[in-house]
Amino acid sequence: MRWLHITSLIWGVAIEILPWSCPLTLAENWLELRAGSTSYQGSFVLHYLDMLVYPNISPLLLTQAAVVVGIVNLGIYFRRFRRRGTTAW
């Protein structure tokens, strides 16, 4: 499960930093259009959670915070990996 989590973290950081779209967001928008609904543009977090969780925070700050959390988490994994060796994985 650790490798799945680490891969997910790397993917999440890459999606936040690079101008890529998440495949699940693309699929969601496609399905909404097929259902006759209007799809949203932009990220999932900004569309669904921004005003609820972060009412007065800019999208840039929200993205930066998400990247920092992911990098810190990856750093913890890396530190544990170096301290315990490859047998802990």
PDB file of N, CA and C in Angstrom:
ATOM      1  N   MET A   1       0.818  -1.200   0.000  1.00  0.00           N
ATOM      2  CA  MET A   1       0.000   0.000   0.000  1.00  0.00           C
ATOM      3  C   MET A   1       0.863   1.267   0.000  1.00  0.00           C
ATOM      4  N   ARG A   2       2.078   1.157   0.558  1.00  0.00           N
ATOM      5  CA  ARG A   2       2.942   2.345   0.577  1.00  0.00           C
ATOM      6  C   ARG A   2       3.275   2.814  -0.825  1.00  0.00           C
ATOM      7  N   TRP A   3       3.574   1.864  -1.716  1.00  0.00           N
ATOM      8  CA  TRP A   3       3.928   2.266  -3.074  1.00  0.00           C
ATOM      9  C   TRP A   3       2.741   2.912  -3.786  1.00  0.00           C
ATOM     10  N   LEU A   4       1.565   2.435  -3.516  1.00  0.00           N
ATOM     11  CA  LEU A   4       0.380   3.064  -4.087  1.00  0.00           C
ATOM     12  C   LEU A   4       0.229   4.492  -3.566  1.00  0.00           C
ATOM     13  N   HIS A   5       0.456   4.684  -2.268  1.00  0.00           N
ATOM     14  CA  HIS A   5       0.356   6.008  -1.676  1.00  0.00           C
ATOM     15  C   HIS A   5       1.438   6.937  -2.214  1.00  0.00           C
ATOM     16  N   ILE A   6       2.661   6.442  -2.315  1.00  0.00           N
ATOM     17  CA  ILE A   6       3.752   7.267  -2.831  1.00  0.00           C
ATOM     18  C   ILE A   6       3.488   7.654  -4.287  1.00  0.00           C
ATOM     19  N   THR A   7       3.033   6.702  -5.083  1.00  0.00           N
ATOM     20  CA  THR A   7       2.705   7.000  -6.482  1.00  0.00           C
ATOM     21  C   THR A   7       1.585   8.032  -6.570  1.00  0.00           C
ATOM     22  N   SER A   8       0.590   7.912  -5.717  1.00  0.00           N
ATOM     23  CA  SER A   8      -0.507   8.877  -5.696  1.00  0.00           C
ATOM     24  C   SER A   8      -0.021  10.271  -5.296  1.00  0.00           C
ATOM     25  N   LEU A   9       0.899  10.321  -4.339  1.00  0.00           N
ATOM     26  CA  LEU A   9       1.459  11.607  -3.932  1.00  0.00           C
ATOM     27  C   LEU A   9       2.228  12.276  -5.071  1.00  0.00           C
ATOM     28  N   ILE A  10       3.058  11.491  -5.739  1.00  0.00           N
ATOM     29  CA  ILE A  10       3.825  12.046  -6.859  1.00  0.00           C
ATOM     30  C   ILE A  10       2.885  12.529  -7.956  1.00  0.00           C
ATOM     31  N   TRP A  11       1.865  11.741  -8.251  1.00  0.00           N
ATOM     32  CA  TRP A  11       0.877  12.135  -9.269  1.00  0.00           C
ATOM     33  C   TRP A  11       0.165  13.427  -8.846  1.00  0.00           C
ATOM     34  N   GLY A  12      -0.242  13.519  -7.575  1.00  0.00           N
ATOM     35  CA  GLY A  12      -0.934  14.714  -7.097  1.00  0.00           C
ATOM     36  C   GLY A  12      -0.076  15.956  -7.174  1.00  0.00           C
ATOM     37  N   VAL A  13       1.184  15.848  -6.812  1.00  0.00           N
ATOM     38  CA  VAL A  13       2.092  16.995  -6.905  1.00  0.00           C
ATOM     39  C   VAL A  13       2.286  17.380  -8.370  1.00  0.00           C
ATOM     40  N   ALA A  14       2.464  16.390  -9.244  1.00  0.00           N
ATOM     41  CA  ALA A  14       2.640  16.680 -10.670  1.00  0.00           C
ATOM     42  C   ALA A  14       1.406  17.361 -11.254  1.00  0.00           C
ATOM     43  N   ILE A  15       0.227  16.897 -10.891  1.00  0.00           N
ATOM     44  CA  ILE A  15      -1.011  17.502 -11.399  1.00  0.00           C
ATOM     45  C   ILE A  15      -1.141  18.951 -10.935  1.00  0.00           C
ATOM     46  N   GLU A  16      -0.726  19.235  -9.701  1.00  0.00           N
ATOM     47  CA  GLU A  16      -0.808  20.602  -9.183  1.00  0.00           C
ATOM     48  C   GLU A  16       0.199  21.526  -9.850  1.00  0.00           C
ATOM     49  N   ILE A  17       1.417  21.025 -10.097  1.00  0.00           N
ATOM     50  CA  ILE A  17       2.484  21.872 -10.631  1.00  0.00           C
ATOM     51  C   ILE A  17       2.389  22.030 -12.145  1.00  0.00           C
ATOM     52  N   LEU A  18       2.163  20.944 -12.842  1.00  0.00           N
ATOM     53  CA  LEU A  18       2.161  20.960 -14.308  1.00  0.00           C
ATOM     54  C   LEU A  18       0.768  21.291 -14.844  1.00  0.00           C
ATOM     55  N   PRO A  19       0.692  21.749 -16.066  1.00  0.00           N
ATOM     56  CA  PRO A  19      -0.620  22.120 -16.630  1.00  0.00           C
ATOM     57  C   PRO A  19      -1.395  20.920 -17.165  1.00  0.00           C
ATOM     58  N   TRP A  20      -1.452  19.861 -16.399  1.00  0.00           N
ATOM     59  CA  TRP A  20      -2.190  18.661 -16.784  1.00  0.00           C
ATOM     60  C   TRP A  20      -3.557  18.677 -16.121  1.00  0.00           C
ATOM     61  N   SER A  21      -4.468  17.947 -16.701  1.00  0.00           N
ATOM     62  CA  SER A  21      -5.777  17.756 -16.091  1.00  0.00           C
ATOM     63  C   SER A  21      -5.858  16.343 -15.550  1.00  0.00           C
ATOM     64  N   CYS A  22      -6.533  16.188 -14.446  1.00  0.00           N
ATOM     65  CA  CYS A  22      -6.724  14.860 -13.867  1.00  0.00           C
ATOM     66  C   CYS A  22      -7.676  14.073 -14.770  1.00  0.00           C
ATOM     67  N   PRO A  23      -7.355  12.832 -15.068  1.00  0.00           N
ATOM     68  CA  PRO A  23      -8.247  12.035 -15.921  1.00  0.00           C
ATOM     69  C   PRO A  23      -9.649  11.866 -15.328  1.00  0.00           C
ATOM     70  N   LEU A  24      -9.753  11.832 -14.007  1.00  0.00           N
ATOM     71  CA  LEU A  24     -11.078  11.697 -13.393  1.00  0.00           C
ATOM     72  C   LEU A  24     -11.915  12.958 -13.601  1.00  0.00           C
ATOM     73  N   THR A  25     -11.283  14.124 -13.567  1.00  0.00           N
ATOM     74  CA  THR A  25     -12.010  15.372 -13.834  1.00  0.00           C
ATOM     75  C   THR A  25     -12.483  15.400 -15.278  1.00  0.00           C
ATOM     76  N   LEU A  26     -11.618  14.975 -16.191  1.00  0.00           N
ATOM     77  CA  LEU A  26     -12.022  14.918 -17.602  1.00  0.00           C
ATOM     78  C   LEU A  26     -13.193  13.961 -17.798  1.00  0.00           C
ATOM     79  N   ALA A  27     -13.131  12.802 -17.145  1.00  0.00           N
ATOM     80  CA  ALA A  27     -14.225  11.833 -17.252  1.00  0.00           C
ATOM     81  C   ALA A  27     -15.512  12.391 -16.646  1.00  0.00           C
ATOM     82  N   GLU A  28     -15.399  13.068 -15.508  1.00  0.00           N
ATOM     83  CA  GLU A  28     -16.576  13.658 -14.876  1.00  0.00           C
ATOM     84  C   GLU A  28     -17.225  14.700 -15.779  1.00  0.00           C
ATOM     85  N   ASN A  29     -16.420  15.579 -16.359  1.00  0.00           N
ATOM     86  CA  ASN A  29     -16.957  16.601 -17.261  1.00  0.00           C
ATOM     87  C   ASN A  29     -17.604  15.979 -18.492  1.00  0.00           C
ATOM     88  N   TRP A  30     -16.983  14.943 -19.041  1.00  0.00           N
ATOM     89  CA  TRP A  30     -17.545  14.262 -20.207  1.00  0.00           C
ATOM     90  C   TRP A  30     -18.892  13.624 -19.875  1.00  0.00           C
ATOM     91  N   LEU A  31     -18.976  12.974 -18.721  1.00  0.00           N
ATOM     92  CA  LEU A  31     -20.226  12.345 -18.311  1.00  0.00           C
ATOM     93  C   LEU A  31     -21.317  13.377 -18.033  1.00  0.00           C
ATOM     94  N   GLU A  32     -20.943  14.508 -17.434  1.00  0.00           N
ATOM     95  CA  GLU A  32     -21.938  15.566 -17.202  1.00  0.00           C
ATOM     96  C   GLU A  32     -22.472  16.114 -18.518  1.00  0.00           C
ATOM     97  N   LEU A  33     -21.602  16.301 -19.497  1.00  0.00           N
ATOM     98  CA  LEU A  33     -22.058  16.774 -20.802  1.00  0.00           C
ATOM     99  C   LEU A  33     -22.988  15.757 -21.471  1.00  0.00           C
ATOM    100  N   ARG A  34     -22.660  14.478 -21.361  1.00  0.00           N
ATOM    101  CA  ARG A  34     -23.518  13.429 -21.932  1.00  0.00           C
ATOM    102  C   ARG A  34     -24.868  13.364 -21.249  1.00  0.00           C
ATOM    103  N   ALA A  35     -24.911  13.732 -19.966  1.00  0.00           N
ATOM    104  CA  ALA A  35     -26.166  13.705 -19.221  1.00  0.00           C
ATOM    105  C   ALA A  35     -26.995  14.967 -19.456  1.00  0.00           C
ATOM    106  N   GLY A  36     -26.451  15.907 -20.228  1.00  0.00           N
ATOM    107  CA  GLY A  36     -27.181  17.133 -20.511  1.00  0.00           C
ATOM    108  C   GLY A  36     -26.924  18.242 -19.511  1.00  0.00           C
ATOM    109  N   SER A  37     -26.012  18.020 -18.609  1.00  0.00           N
ATOM    110  CA  SER A  37     -25.660  19.032 -17.617  1.00  0.00           C
ATOM    111  C   SER A  37     -24.482  19.854 -18.136  1.00  0.00           C
ATOM    112  N   THR A  38     -24.265  20.994 -17.530  1.00  0.00           N
ATOM    113  CA  THR A  38     -23.106  21.798 -17.917  1.00  0.00           C
ATOM    114  C   THR A  38     -21.918  21.396 -17.048  1.00  0.00           C
ATOM    115  N   SER A  39     -20.788  21.243 -17.689  1.00  0.00           N
ATOM    116  CA  SER A  39     -19.589  20.868 -16.942  1.00  0.00           C
ATOM    117  C   SER A  39     -18.870  22.123 -16.484  1.00  0.00           C
ATOM    118  N   TYR A  40     -18.056  21.972 -15.467  1.00  0.00           N
ATOM    119  CA  TYR A  40     -17.285  23.102 -14.961  1.00  0.00           C
ATOM    120  C   TYR A  40     -15.905  23.088 -15.591  1.00  0.00           C
ATOM    121  N   GLN A  41     -15.253  24.226 -15.576  1.00  0.00           N
ATOM    122  CA  GLN A  41     -13.880  24.342 -16.053  1.00  0.00           C
ATOM    123  C   GLN A  41     -12.985  24.568 -14.843  1.00  0.00           C
ATOM    124  N   GLY A  42     -11.780  24.064 -14.896  1.00  0.00           N
ATOM    125  CA  GLY A  42     -10.855  24.229 -13.785  1.00  0.00           C
ATOM    126  C   GLY A  42     -10.733  22.957 -12.980  1.00  0.00           C
ATOM    127  N   SER A  43     -10.159  23.098 -11.794  1.00  0.00           N
ATOM    128  CA  SER A  43      -9.870  21.919 -10.992  1.00  0.00           C
ATOM    129  C   SER A  43     -11.056  21.505 -10.123  1.00  0.00           C
ATOM    130  N   PHE A  44     -11.035  20.249  -9.728  1.00  0.00           N
ATOM    131  CA  PHE A  44     -12.058  19.695  -8.856  1.00  0.00           C
ATOM    132  C   PHE A  44     -12.085  20.427  -7.515  1.00  0.00           C
ATOM    133  N   VAL A  45     -10.899  20.636  -6.937  1.00  0.00           N
ATOM    134  CA  VAL A  45     -10.801  21.283  -5.622  1.00  0.00           C
ATOM    135  C   VAL A  45     -11.387  22.684  -5.669  1.00  0.00           C
ATOM    136  N   LEU A  46     -11.018  23.447  -6.681  1.00  0.00           N
ATOM    137  CA  LEU A  46     -11.535  24.816  -6.774  1.00  0.00           C
ATOM    138  C   LEU A  46     -13.041  24.827  -7.011  1.00  0.00           C
ATOM    139  N   HIS A  47     -13.536  23.873  -7.778  1.00  0.00           N
ATOM    140  CA  HIS A  47     -14.965  23.851  -8.086  1.00  0.00           C
ATOM    141  C   HIS A  47     -15.812  23.457  -6.881  1.00  0.00           C
ATOM    142  N   TYR A  48     -15.422  22.394  -6.182  1.00  0.00           N
ATOM    143  CA  TYR A  48     -16.266  21.855  -5.125  1.00  0.00           C
ATOM    144  C   TYR A  48     -15.921  22.334  -3.720  1.00  0.00           C
ATOM    145  N   LEU A  49     -14.656  22.545  -3.433  1.00  0.00           N
ATOM    146  CA  LEU A  49     -14.267  22.777  -2.052  1.00  0.00           C
ATOM    147  C   LEU A  49     -13.745  24.178  -1.737  1.00  0.00           C
ATOM    148  N   ASP A  50     -13.378  24.927  -2.740  1.00  0.00           N
ATOM    149  CA  ASP A  50     -12.730  26.219  -2.499  1.00  0.00           C
ATOM    150  C   ASP A  50     -13.558  27.143  -1.623  1.00  0.00           C
ATOM    151  N   MET A  51     -14.777  27.412  -1.994  1.00  0.00           N
ATOM    152  CA  MET A  51     -15.593  28.361  -1.235  1.00  0.00           C
ATOM    153  C   MET A  51     -16.067  27.782   0.094  1.00  0.00           C
ATOM    154  N   LEU A  52     -16.172  26.476   0.174  1.00  0.00           N
ATOM    155  CA  LEU A  52     -16.611  25.836   1.408  1.00  0.00           C
ATOM    156  C   LEU A  52     -15.493  25.788   2.449  1.00  0.00           C
ATOM    157  N   VAL A  53     -14.323  25.345   2.039  1.00  0.00           N
ATOM    158  CA  VAL A  53     -13.226  25.145   2.975  1.00  0.00           C
ATOM    159  C   VAL A  53     -12.315  26.357   3.070  1.00  0.00           C
ATOM    160  N   TYR A  54     -12.051  27.010   1.953  1.00  0.00           N
ATOM    161  CA  TYR A  54     -11.118  28.129   1.896  1.00  0.00           C
ATOM    162  C   TYR A  54     -11.819  29.361   1.317  1.00  0.00           C
ATOM    163  N   PRO A  55     -12.681  30.018   2.053  1.00  0.00           N
ATOM    164  CA  PRO A  55     -13.502  31.077   1.465  1.00  0.00           C
ATOM    165  C   PRO A  55     -12.731  32.294   0.968  1.00  0.00           C
ATOM    166  N   ASN A  56     -11.608  32.639   1.572  1.00  0.00           N
ATOM    167  CA  ASN A  56     -10.908  33.854   1.163  1.00  0.00           C
ATOM    168  C   ASN A  56      -9.450  33.594   0.793  1.00  0.00           C
ATOM    169  N   ILE A  57      -9.162  32.432   0.233  1.00  0.00           N
ATOM    170  CA  ILE A  57      -7.800  32.095  -0.151  1.00  0.00           C
ATOM    171  C   ILE A  57      -7.728  32.030  -1.672  1.00  0.00           C
ATOM    172  N   SER A  58      -6.664  32.597  -2.227  1.00  0.00           N
ATOM    173  CA  SER A  58      -6.511  32.618  -3.678  1.00  0.00           C
ATOM    174  C   SER A  58      -6.205  31.207  -4.202  1.00  0.00           C
ATOM    175  N   PRO A  59      -6.570  30.938  -5.446  1.00  0.00           N
ATOM    176  CA  PRO A  59      -6.275  29.623  -6.034  1.00  0.00           C
ATOM    177  C   PRO A  59      -4.770  29.312  -6.054  1.00  0.00           C
ATOM    178  N   LEU A  60      -3.944  30.324  -6.265  1.00  0.00           N
ATOM    179  CA  LEU A  60      -2.496  30.101  -6.272  1.00  0.00           C
ATOM    180  C   LEU A  60      -2.013  29.631  -4.911  1.00  0.00           C
ATOM    181  N   LEU A  61      -2.474  30.263  -3.844  1.00  0.00           N
ATOM    182  CA  LEU A  61      -2.078  29.859  -2.493  1.00  0.00           C
ATOM    183  C   LEU A  61      -2.586  28.454  -2.177  1.00  0.00           C
ATOM    184  N   LEU A  62      -3.785  28.137  -2.611  1.00  0.00           N
ATOM    185  CA  LEU A  62      -4.347  26.799  -2.409  1.00  0.00           C
ATOM    186  C   LEU A  62      -3.500  25.741  -3.111  1.00  0.00           C
ATOM    187  N   THR A  63      -3.087  26.011  -4.343  1.00  0.00           N
ATOM    188  CA  THR A  63      -2.235  25.092  -5.090  1.00  0.00           C
ATOM    189  C   THR A  63      -0.878  24.944  -4.424  1.00  0.00           C
ATOM    190  N   GLN A  64      -0.295  26.048  -3.993  1.00  0.00           N
ATOM    191  CA  GLN A  64       1.005  25.995  -3.324  1.00  0.00           C
ATOM    192  C   GLN A  64       0.926  25.184  -2.035  1.00  0.00           C
ATOM    193  N   ALA A  65      -0.130  25.347  -1.283  1.00  0.00           N
ATOM    194  CA  ALA A  65      -0.295  24.598  -0.035  1.00  0.00           C
ATOM    195  C   ALA A  65      -0.417  23.102  -0.316  1.00  0.00           C
ATOM    196  N   ALA A  66      -1.152  22.740  -1.363  1.00  0.00           N
ATOM    197  CA  ALA A  66      -1.305  21.325  -1.723  1.00  0.00           C
ATOM    198  C   ALA A  66       0.035  20.722  -2.129  1.00  0.00           C
ATOM    199  N   VAL A  67       0.834  21.474  -2.878  1.00  0.00           N
ATOM    200  CA  VAL A  67       2.151  20.989  -3.292  1.00  0.00           C
ATOM    201  C   VAL A  67       3.060  20.820  -2.079  1.00  0.00           C
ATOM    202  N   VAL A  68       3.046  21.776  -1.167  1.00  0.00           N
ATOM    203  CA  VAL A  68       3.883  21.682   0.031  1.00  0.00           C
ATOM    204  C   VAL A  68       3.510  20.458   0.858  1.00  0.00           C
ATOM    205  N   VAL A  69       2.229  20.215   1.055  1.00  0.00           N
ATOM    206  CA  VAL A  69       1.790  19.052   1.826  1.00  0.00           C
ATOM    207  C   VAL A  69       2.270  17.761   1.162  1.00  0.00           C
ATOM    208  N   GLY A  70       2.142  17.670  -0.160  1.00  0.00           N
ATOM    209  CA  GLY A  70       2.595  16.476  -0.872  1.00  0.00           C
ATOM    210  C   GLY A  70       4.097  16.278  -0.781  1.00  0.00           C
ATOM    211  N   ILE A  71       4.861  17.344  -0.936  1.00  0.00           N
ATOM    212  CA  ILE A  71       6.321  17.245  -0.862  1.00  0.00           C
ATOM    213  C   ILE A  71       6.768  16.890   0.547  1.00  0.00           C
ATOM    214  N   VAL A  72       6.148  17.464   1.562  1.00  0.00           N
ATOM    215  CA  VAL A  72       6.485  17.109   2.950  1.00  0.00           C
ATOM    216  C   VAL A  72       6.210  15.626   3.188  1.00  0.00           C
ATOM    217  N   ASN A  73       5.082  15.139   2.715  1.00  0.00           N
ATOM    218  CA  ASN A  73       4.749  13.725   2.876  1.00  0.00           C
ATOM    219  C   ASN A  73       5.767  12.839   2.164  1.00  0.00           C
ATOM    220  N   LEU A  74       6.151  13.204   0.940  1.00  0.00           N
ATOM    221  CA  LEU A  74       7.174  12.448   0.229  1.00  0.00           C
ATOM    222  C   LEU A  74       8.506  12.499   0.974  1.00  0.00           C
ATOM    223  N   GLY A  75       8.835  13.648   1.562  1.00  0.00           N
ATOM    224  CA  GLY A  75      10.062  13.772   2.347  1.00  0.00           C
ATOM    225  C   GLY A  75      10.066  12.838   3.549  1.00  0.00           C
ATOM    226  N   ILE A  76       8.929  12.688   4.188  1.00  0.00           N
ATOM    227  CA  ILE A  76       8.821  11.767   5.324  1.00  0.00           C
ATOM    228  C   ILE A  76       9.066  10.337   4.861  1.00  0.00           C
ATOM    229  N   TYR A  77       8.453   9.958   3.753  1.00  0.00           N
ATOM    230  CA  TYR A  77       8.689   8.619   3.215  1.00  0.00           C
ATOM    231  C   TYR A  77      10.167   8.425   2.872  1.00  0.00           C
ATOM    232  N   PHE A  78      10.780   9.404   2.238  1.00  0.00           N
ATOM    233  CA  PHE A  78      12.177   9.297   1.846  1.00  0.00           C
ATOM    234  C   PHE A  78      13.079   9.157   3.072  1.00  0.00           C
ATOM    235  N   ARG A  79      12.806   9.944   4.099  1.00  0.00           N
ATOM    236  CA  ARG A  79      13.608   9.876   5.327  1.00  0.00           C
ATOM    237  C   ARG A  79      13.478   8.511   5.997  1.00  0.00           C
ATOM    238  N   ARG A  80      12.267   8.006   6.058  1.00  0.00           N
ATOM    239  CA  ARG A  80      12.053   6.675   6.647  1.00  0.00           C
ATOM    240  C   ARG A  80      12.728   5.596   5.809  1.00  0.00           C
ATOM    241  N   PHE A  81      12.694   5.750   4.509  1.00  0.00           N
ATOM    242  CA  PHE A  81      13.333   4.799   3.613  1.00  0.00           C
ATOM    243  C   PHE A  81      14.843   4.769   3.843  1.00  0.00           C
ATOM    244  N   ARG A  82      15.453   5.928   3.949  1.00  0.00           N
ATOM    245  CA  ARG A  82      16.905   5.991   4.162  1.00  0.00           C
ATOM    246  C   ARG A  82      17.295   5.475   5.529  1.00  0.00           C
ATOM    247  N   ARG A  83      16.464   5.733   6.527  1.00  0.00           N
ATOM    248  CA  ARG A  83      16.801   5.327   7.889  1.00  0.00           C
ATOM    249  C   ARG A  83      16.673   3.815   8.072  1.00  0.00           C
ATOM    250  N   ARG A  84      15.665   3.198   7.503  1.00  0.00           N
ATOM    251  CA  ARG A  84      15.396   1.779   7.715  1.00  0.00           C
ATOM    252  C   ARG A  84      15.899   0.892   6.599  1.00  0.00           C
ATOM    253  N   GLY A  85      16.254   1.465   5.487  1.00  0.00           N
ATOM    254  CA  GLY A  85      16.699   0.645   4.358  1.00  0.00           C
ATOM    255  C   GLY A  85      15.531   0.137   3.545  1.00  0.00           C
ATOM    256  N   THR A  86      15.809  -0.613   2.540  1.00  0.00           N
ATOM    257  CA  THR A  86      14.756  -1.064   1.620  1.00  0.00           C
ATOM    258  C   THR A  86      13.904  -2.179   2.202  1.00  0.00           C
ATOM    259  N   THR A  87      14.317  -2.821   3.299  1.00  0.00           N
ATOM    260  CA  THR A  87      13.519  -3.911   3.859  1.00  0.00           C
ATOM    261  C   THR A  87      12.226  -3.417   4.501  1.00  0.00           C
ATOM    262  N   ALA A  88      12.153  -2.135   4.852  1.00  0.00           N
ATOM    263  CA  ALA A  88      10.944  -1.591   5.481  1.00  0.00           C
ATOM    264  C   ALA A  88       9.831  -1.357   4.486  1.00  0.00           C
ATOM    265  N   TRP A  89      10.135  -1.442   3.194  1.00  0.00           N
ATOM    266  CA  TRP A  89       9.126  -1.170   2.177  1.00  0.00           C
ATOM    267  C   TRP A  89       8.445  -2.450   1.813  1.00  0.00           C
TER     268      TRP A  89
END
